[in-house]
Protein backbone atom coordinates (compact mmCIF):
# COMPACT_ATOMS: atom_id res chain seq x y z
CA UNK A 1 12.29 0.51 33.88
CA UNK A 2 9.36 2.46 31.92
CA UNK A 3 8.69 6.07 32.03
CA UNK A 4 6.03 7.87 33.57
CA UNK A 5 5.77 10.96 31.67
CA UNK A 6 3.28 10.53 29.39
CA UNK A 7 4.46 11.49 25.50
CA UNK A 8 2.70 11.10 22.35
CA UNK A 9 4.38 10.35 18.67
CA UNK A 10 2.29 10.62 15.58
CA UNK A 11 2.54 7.60 13.39
CA UNK A 12 0.40 8.00 11.40
CA UNK A 13 1.10 10.53 7.43
CA UNK A 14 -2.26 10.63 5.71
CA UNK A 15 -1.21 12.92 3.36
CA UNK A 16 -0.04 11.13 1.20
CA UNK A 17 -1.10 9.92 -3.11
CA UNK A 18 0.02 6.63 -2.02
CA UNK A 19 -2.66 3.43 -2.50
CA UNK A 20 -3.99 1.52 0.28
CA UNK A 21 -3.74 -2.32 1.13
CA UNK A 22 -7.01 -4.18 0.47
CA UNK A 23 -9.12 -4.99 2.33
CA UNK A 24 -9.00 -9.09 2.85
CA UNK A 25 -11.27 -9.39 6.40
CA UNK A 26 -14.17 -6.95 4.78
CA UNK A 27 -14.97 -6.45 8.38
CA UNK A 28 -15.91 -10.18 9.31
CA UNK A 29 -14.22 -9.96 12.74
CA UNK A 30 -15.16 -13.28 13.90
CA UNK A 31 -13.99 -16.24 11.39
CA UNK A 32 -15.56 -19.32 11.74
CA UNK A 33 -11.98 -20.78 12.68
CA UNK A 34 -8.67 -20.29 13.80
CA UNK A 35 -5.72 -19.49 12.35
CA UNK A 36 -7.84 -17.64 9.43
CA UNK A 37 -8.16 -14.04 10.61
CA UNK A 38 -5.15 -12.08 12.30
CA UNK A 39 -5.50 -8.14 13.61
CA UNK A 40 -2.10 -6.52 14.71
CA UNK A 41 -0.70 -3.60 16.26
CA UNK A 42 2.58 -2.03 17.11
CA UNK A 43 2.64 0.41 19.94
CA UNK A 44 5.32 2.50 21.19
CA UNK A 45 6.95 2.88 24.68
CA UNK A 46 9.43 5.35 26.09
CA UNK A 47 11.90 3.75 28.40
CA UNK A 48 15.10 5.20 29.97
CA UNK A 49 16.99 3.55 27.41
CA UNK A 50 14.87 4.78 24.65
CA UNK A 51 11.59 4.10 22.41
CA UNK A 52 10.71 0.17 22.24
CA UNK A 53 8.51 -0.67 19.91
CA UNK A 54 5.58 -3.90 20.91
CA UNK A 55 4.44 -5.57 18.36
CA UNK A 56 1.27 -8.17 19.02
CA UNK A 57 -0.91 -10.31 16.80
CA UNK A 58 -3.97 -11.64 18.01
CA UNK A 59 -5.96 -14.59 16.41
CA UNK A 60 -9.79 -13.07 15.79
CA UNK A 61 -11.66 -16.68 16.23
CA UNK A 62 -10.30 -17.12 20.18
CA UNK A 63 -8.93 -13.44 20.46
CA UNK A 64 -6.22 -14.53 21.90
CA UNK A 65 -2.08 -13.24 20.80
CA UNK A 66 -0.52 -15.33 19.01
CA UNK A 67 2.26 -13.50 18.95
CA UNK A 68 4.09 -10.78 20.78
CA UNK A 69 7.45 -9.76 19.97
CA UNK A 70 9.18 -6.48 21.44
CA UNK A 71 11.23 -4.73 18.63
CA UNK A 72 14.03 -2.37 19.09
CA UNK A 73 14.12 0.83 17.11
CA UNK A 74 16.74 0.18 14.92
CA UNK A 75 14.49 -2.24 12.41
CA UNK A 76 13.69 -0.09 9.74
CA UNK A 77 12.14 -0.99 6.48
CA UNK A 78 10.36 -3.46 5.18
CA UNK A 79 12.59 -5.99 4.65
CA UNK A 80 14.07 -6.18 8.03
CA UNK A 81 10.40 -6.02 9.17
CA UNK A 82 9.67 -9.17 7.04
CA UNK A 83 12.62 -10.55 8.51
CA UNK A 84 12.07 -10.08 12.06
CA UNK A 85 8.52 -11.83 11.34
CA UNK A 86 9.61 -15.24 9.73
CA UNK A 87 12.36 -15.84 12.16
CA UNK A 88 9.56 -15.36 15.08
CA UNK A 89 6.07 -16.70 13.69
CA UNK A 90 8.48 -19.86 12.42
C-alpha cells in the first residue's frame, strides 16, 4: 500500500569530478524506426514496507513502455543492476 505523505529524496550528486556518459542520442528524440533509441528513468515510491524503486524504459519511436520493473532497494551496485536488466529484458 502506497503512503500519501510526501517525501523527497535527493538522488543526484553533481558535486564531483567524475566524467559524464557520452550523449549517444544527441537530442534526436524522434528516431526513424522502433527499438533504436530507448530512454529510461527510475523513481522511488514510499510504501508501508519501505522504499520501492520503479524502473521504466520507453521506446522513443513508439513512445510506449517496453519495460517496467519494480525493484527492491537491496539491489545495489552496477553489476547487480546490469544482471537484473539482462534477466528482465532477455
